Amino acid sequence: MTDMAIATSGNYEKFVVIDGKKYSHTINPKTGMPVSGVKSVTIFCPNAEIADAMATPVSIMGIESALNMINQVNHLECIIIDDQDNIYSSQNINLK
């Protein structure tokens, strides 16, 4: 990969466990609750600032909505890992 920036946002380092349940440090502004379901989002983009700016919102959107949006934006790709370690990627990333 050349001429690309990579930014990752996730709850794998900053979180708290209360009564056996893991709570992310990222808050969903619609619910006021910690984000759940997504462990990590990595954004690939030619611009570092845009890659960084997109990582957290994509983690909040939910996997299906996030992939739908990313697949509509030129020069923007992502890899999402959910809480069960399933890996999802945008249409132009081939992980095989």
N, C-alpha and C. Protein backbone atom coordinates (compact mmCIF):
# COMPACT_ATOMS: atom_id res chain seq x y z
N MET A 1 0.85 -1.16 0.00
CA MET A 1 0.00 0.00 0.00
C MET A 1 0.90 1.23 0.00
N THR A 2 0.59 2.18 -0.86
CA THR A 2 1.36 3.41 -0.91
C THR A 2 0.42 4.61 -0.92
N ASP A 3 0.94 5.73 -0.47
CA ASP A 3 0.21 6.99 -0.45
C ASP A 3 -1.13 6.88 0.28
N MET A 4 -1.13 6.15 1.39
CA MET A 4 -2.36 5.99 2.18
C MET A 4 -2.04 6.21 3.66
N ALA A 5 -3.03 6.74 4.35
CA ALA A 5 -2.95 6.87 5.80
C ALA A 5 -3.85 5.80 6.42
N ILE A 6 -3.51 5.39 7.63
CA ILE A 6 -4.29 4.39 8.34
C ILE A 6 -4.56 4.91 9.75
N ALA A 7 -5.83 4.82 10.18
CA ALA A 7 -6.20 5.20 11.54
C ALA A 7 -7.10 4.12 12.12
N THR A 8 -6.87 3.79 13.38
CA THR A 8 -7.67 2.76 14.04
C THR A 8 -8.28 3.32 15.32
N SER A 9 -9.54 2.97 15.53
CA SER A 9 -10.24 3.33 16.76
C SER A 9 -10.85 2.06 17.32
N GLY A 10 -10.79 1.90 18.63
CA GLY A 10 -11.36 0.68 19.19
C GLY A 10 -11.46 0.73 20.70
N ASN A 11 -12.07 -0.32 21.24
CA ASN A 11 -12.25 -0.40 22.70
C ASN A 11 -11.38 -1.49 23.31
N TYR A 12 -10.30 -1.84 22.63
CA TYR A 12 -9.44 -2.93 23.10
C TYR A 12 -8.43 -2.46 24.14
N GLU A 13 -8.25 -1.15 24.31
CA GLU A 13 -7.32 -0.64 25.33
C GLU A 13 -8.03 0.20 26.39
N LYS A 14 -8.94 1.05 25.96
CA LYS A 14 -9.63 1.95 26.90
C LYS A 14 -11.05 1.46 27.11
N PHE A 15 -11.27 0.79 28.23
CA PHE A 15 -12.58 0.27 28.59
C PHE A 15 -12.60 -0.01 30.08
N VAL A 16 -13.78 -0.30 30.56
CA VAL A 16 -13.94 -0.68 31.96
C VAL A 16 -14.85 -1.91 31.99
N VAL A 17 -14.60 -2.80 32.94
CA VAL A 17 -15.45 -3.97 33.13
C VAL A 17 -16.19 -3.78 34.46
N ILE A 18 -17.52 -3.79 34.37
CA ILE A 18 -18.37 -3.64 35.56
C ILE A 18 -19.30 -4.84 35.61
N ASP A 19 -19.25 -5.57 36.71
CA ASP A 19 -20.07 -6.78 36.88
C ASP A 19 -19.93 -7.72 35.69
N GLY A 20 -18.70 -7.86 35.19
CA GLY A 20 -18.42 -8.80 34.10
C GLY A 20 -18.77 -8.30 32.72
N LYS A 21 -19.30 -7.09 32.58
CA LYS A 21 -19.65 -6.53 31.27
C LYS A 21 -18.65 -5.45 30.90
N LYS A 22 -18.15 -5.53 29.65
CA LYS A 22 -17.16 -4.57 29.15
C LYS A 22 -17.87 -3.34 28.58
N TYR A 23 -17.42 -2.17 29.00
CA TYR A 23 -17.96 -0.90 28.52
C TYR A 23 -16.85 -0.11 27.83
N SER A 24 -17.12 0.30 26.60
CA SER A 24 -16.18 1.07 25.81
C SER A 24 -16.06 2.50 26.34
N HIS A 25 -14.94 3.14 26.03
CA HIS A 25 -14.76 4.55 26.36
C HIS A 25 -15.46 5.45 25.35
N THR A 26 -15.88 4.89 24.21
CA THR A 26 -16.55 5.67 23.18
C THR A 26 -18.05 5.66 23.44
N ILE A 27 -18.65 6.84 23.45
CA ILE A 27 -20.06 6.99 23.76
C ILE A 27 -20.86 7.24 22.48
N ASN A 28 -21.97 6.52 22.35
CA ASN A 28 -22.88 6.75 21.23
C ASN A 28 -23.72 7.98 21.55
N PRO A 29 -23.61 9.05 20.76
CA PRO A 29 -24.33 10.28 21.09
C PRO A 29 -25.85 10.15 21.00
N LYS A 30 -26.35 9.16 20.26
CA LYS A 30 -27.80 8.96 20.17
C LYS A 30 -28.37 8.36 21.45
N THR A 31 -27.60 7.49 22.08
CA THR A 31 -28.11 6.78 23.26
C THR A 31 -27.51 7.27 24.56
N GLY A 32 -26.33 7.90 24.49
CA GLY A 32 -25.63 8.30 25.70
C GLY A 32 -24.93 7.14 26.38
N MET A 33 -24.95 5.98 25.73
CA MET A 33 -24.36 4.77 26.30
C MET A 33 -23.07 4.41 25.56
N PRO A 34 -22.21 3.63 26.18
CA PRO A 34 -21.00 3.18 25.49
C PRO A 34 -21.33 2.35 24.25
N VAL A 35 -20.49 2.46 23.25
CA VAL A 35 -20.65 1.70 22.01
C VAL A 35 -20.44 0.22 22.32
N SER A 36 -21.24 -0.63 21.70
CA SER A 36 -21.06 -2.06 21.86
C SER A 36 -21.18 -2.72 20.49
N GLY A 37 -20.62 -3.91 20.38
CA GLY A 37 -20.71 -4.67 19.14
C GLY A 37 -19.51 -4.55 18.24
N VAL A 38 -18.75 -3.46 18.37
CA VAL A 38 -17.57 -3.25 17.53
C VAL A 38 -16.34 -3.11 18.41
N LYS A 39 -15.34 -3.95 18.15
CA LYS A 39 -14.10 -3.91 18.91
C LYS A 39 -13.09 -2.95 18.30
N SER A 40 -13.04 -2.91 16.94
CA SER A 40 -12.01 -2.13 16.27
C SER A 40 -12.47 -1.71 14.88
N VAL A 41 -12.10 -0.48 14.50
CA VAL A 41 -12.34 0.02 13.14
C VAL A 41 -11.01 0.59 12.64
N THR A 42 -10.59 0.14 11.48
CA THR A 42 -9.40 0.70 10.83
C THR A 42 -9.83 1.32 9.51
N ILE A 43 -9.44 2.57 9.33
CA ILE A 43 -9.78 3.33 8.12
C ILE A 43 -8.52 3.54 7.29
N PHE A 44 -8.66 3.35 5.99
CA PHE A 44 -7.59 3.59 5.02
C PHE A 44 -8.05 4.74 4.12
N CYS A 45 -7.20 5.74 3.98
CA CYS A 45 -7.57 6.93 3.22
C CYS A 45 -6.30 7.67 2.82
N PRO A 46 -6.29 8.37 1.69
CA PRO A 46 -5.09 9.12 1.31
C PRO A 46 -4.77 10.28 2.27
N ASN A 47 -5.74 10.71 3.06
CA ASN A 47 -5.58 11.85 3.94
C ASN A 47 -5.62 11.39 5.40
N ALA A 48 -4.57 11.63 6.17
CA ALA A 48 -4.49 11.17 7.56
C ALA A 48 -5.56 11.79 8.44
N GLU A 49 -5.85 13.05 8.23
CA GLU A 49 -6.85 13.72 9.05
C GLU A 49 -8.24 13.13 8.84
N ILE A 50 -8.56 12.82 7.59
CA ILE A 50 -9.87 12.22 7.30
C ILE A 50 -9.93 10.79 7.84
N ALA A 51 -8.85 10.05 7.69
CA ALA A 51 -8.82 8.68 8.23
C ALA A 51 -9.08 8.72 9.74
N ASP A 52 -8.40 9.60 10.44
CA ASP A 52 -8.57 9.71 11.88
C ASP A 52 -9.98 10.18 12.24
N ALA A 53 -10.49 11.15 11.49
CA ALA A 53 -11.82 11.69 11.76
C ALA A 53 -12.93 10.67 11.52
N MET A 54 -12.72 9.71 10.65
CA MET A 54 -13.75 8.72 10.31
C MET A 54 -13.74 7.50 11.23
N ALA A 55 -12.64 7.20 11.88
CA ALA A 55 -12.53 5.96 12.65
C ALA A 55 -13.56 5.86 13.77
N THR A 56 -13.72 6.88 14.57
CA THR A 56 -14.67 6.81 15.68
C THR A 56 -16.12 6.82 15.21
N PRO A 57 -16.52 7.70 14.31
CA PRO A 57 -17.93 7.65 13.86
C PRO A 57 -18.31 6.32 13.23
N VAL A 58 -17.40 5.72 12.48
CA VAL A 58 -17.70 4.42 11.87
C VAL A 58 -17.93 3.37 12.96
N SER A 59 -17.19 3.45 14.06
CA SER A 59 -17.39 2.48 15.15
C SER A 59 -18.74 2.66 15.83
N ILE A 60 -19.29 3.85 15.77
CA ILE A 60 -20.57 4.14 16.41
C ILE A 60 -21.75 3.75 15.53
N MET A 61 -21.58 3.81 14.21
CA MET A 61 -22.68 3.64 13.26
C MET A 61 -23.27 2.24 13.22
N GLY A 62 -22.53 1.25 13.60
CA GLY A 62 -22.96 -0.12 13.39
C GLY A 62 -22.37 -0.64 12.09
N ILE A 63 -22.16 -1.93 12.02
CA ILE A 63 -21.39 -2.52 10.93
C ILE A 63 -22.06 -2.32 9.58
N GLU A 64 -23.32 -2.66 9.46
CA GLU A 64 -24.00 -2.57 8.17
C GLU A 64 -24.07 -1.14 7.65
N SER A 65 -24.46 -0.21 8.50
CA SER A 65 -24.53 1.20 8.09
C SER A 65 -23.16 1.75 7.73
N ALA A 66 -22.16 1.38 8.53
CA ALA A 66 -20.80 1.87 8.29
C ALA A 66 -20.27 1.38 6.95
N LEU A 67 -20.42 0.08 6.67
CA LEU A 67 -19.93 -0.45 5.39
C LEU A 67 -20.68 0.16 4.22
N ASN A 68 -21.97 0.35 4.37
CA ASN A 68 -22.76 0.99 3.31
C ASN A 68 -22.23 2.39 3.01
N MET A 69 -21.95 3.17 4.05
CA MET A 69 -21.44 4.51 3.84
C MET A 69 -20.04 4.50 3.23
N ILE A 70 -19.15 3.71 3.81
CA ILE A 70 -17.77 3.64 3.33
C ILE A 70 -17.73 3.23 1.86
N ASN A 71 -18.56 2.28 1.47
CA ASN A 71 -18.57 1.79 0.09
C ASN A 71 -19.06 2.84 -0.91
N GLN A 72 -19.62 3.92 -0.43
CA GLN A 72 -20.09 5.00 -1.30
C GLN A 72 -19.10 6.15 -1.44
N VAL A 73 -18.01 6.12 -0.67
CA VAL A 73 -17.05 7.22 -0.67
C VAL A 73 -15.77 6.78 -1.38
N ASN A 74 -15.38 7.52 -2.40
CA ASN A 74 -14.15 7.20 -3.13
C ASN A 74 -12.92 7.36 -2.23
N HIS A 75 -11.98 6.45 -2.39
CA HIS A 75 -10.68 6.51 -1.69
C HIS A 75 -10.81 6.35 -0.18
N LEU A 76 -11.88 5.72 0.28
CA LEU A 76 -12.08 5.47 1.70
C LEU A 76 -12.43 3.99 1.87
N GLU A 77 -11.64 3.27 2.69
CA GLU A 77 -11.86 1.85 2.92
C GLU A 77 -11.77 1.57 4.42
N CYS A 78 -12.31 0.43 4.84
CA CYS A 78 -12.23 0.11 6.26
C CYS A 78 -12.23 -1.39 6.51
N ILE A 79 -11.73 -1.75 7.68
CA ILE A 79 -11.83 -3.09 8.24
C ILE A 79 -12.44 -2.94 9.62
N ILE A 80 -13.48 -3.71 9.89
CA ILE A 80 -14.19 -3.65 11.17
C ILE A 80 -14.09 -5.03 11.83
N ILE A 81 -13.78 -5.04 13.11
CA ILE A 81 -13.77 -6.28 13.90
C ILE A 81 -14.82 -6.14 14.98
N ASP A 82 -15.76 -7.09 15.03
CA ASP A 82 -16.81 -7.01 16.03
C ASP A 82 -16.38 -7.66 17.35
N ASP A 83 -17.26 -7.62 18.32
CA ASP A 83 -16.94 -8.14 19.65
C ASP A 83 -16.68 -9.64 19.68
N GLN A 84 -17.11 -10.36 18.63
CA GLN A 84 -16.87 -11.80 18.56
C GLN A 84 -15.69 -12.12 17.64
N ASP A 85 -14.90 -11.11 17.29
CA ASP A 85 -13.72 -11.23 16.43
C ASP A 85 -14.04 -11.59 14.98
N ASN A 86 -15.28 -11.34 14.53
CA ASN A 86 -15.60 -11.47 13.11
C ASN A 86 -15.05 -10.25 12.39
N ILE A 87 -14.53 -10.45 11.19
CA ILE A 87 -13.90 -9.38 10.42
C ILE A 87 -14.76 -9.02 9.23
N TYR A 88 -15.02 -7.74 9.06
CA TYR A 88 -15.79 -7.20 7.95
C TYR A 88 -14.91 -6.18 7.24
N SER A 89 -15.04 -6.09 5.92
CA SER A 89 -14.25 -5.09 5.20
C SER A 89 -15.09 -4.44 4.12
N SER A 90 -14.69 -3.25 3.75
CA SER A 90 -15.36 -2.55 2.66
C SER A 90 -15.08 -3.28 1.35
N GLN A 91 -15.83 -2.93 0.32
CA GLN A 91 -15.85 -3.72 -0.92
C GLN A 91 -14.51 -3.78 -1.65
N ASN A 92 -13.63 -2.82 -1.48
CA ASN A 92 -12.38 -2.82 -2.22
C ASN A 92 -11.20 -3.41 -1.46
N ILE A 93 -11.47 -4.03 -0.33
CA ILE A 93 -10.44 -4.71 0.44
C ILE A 93 -10.66 -6.20 0.32
N ASN A 94 -9.63 -6.92 -0.11
CA ASN A 94 -9.70 -8.37 -0.25
C ASN A 94 -8.78 -8.98 0.80
N LEU A 95 -9.34 -9.57 1.81
CA LEU A 95 -8.55 -10.14 2.91
C LEU A 95 -8.20 -11.61 2.67
N LYS A 96 -8.54 -12.14 1.55
CA LYS A 96 -8.28 -13.56 1.26
C LYS A 96 -6.85 -13.77 0.81
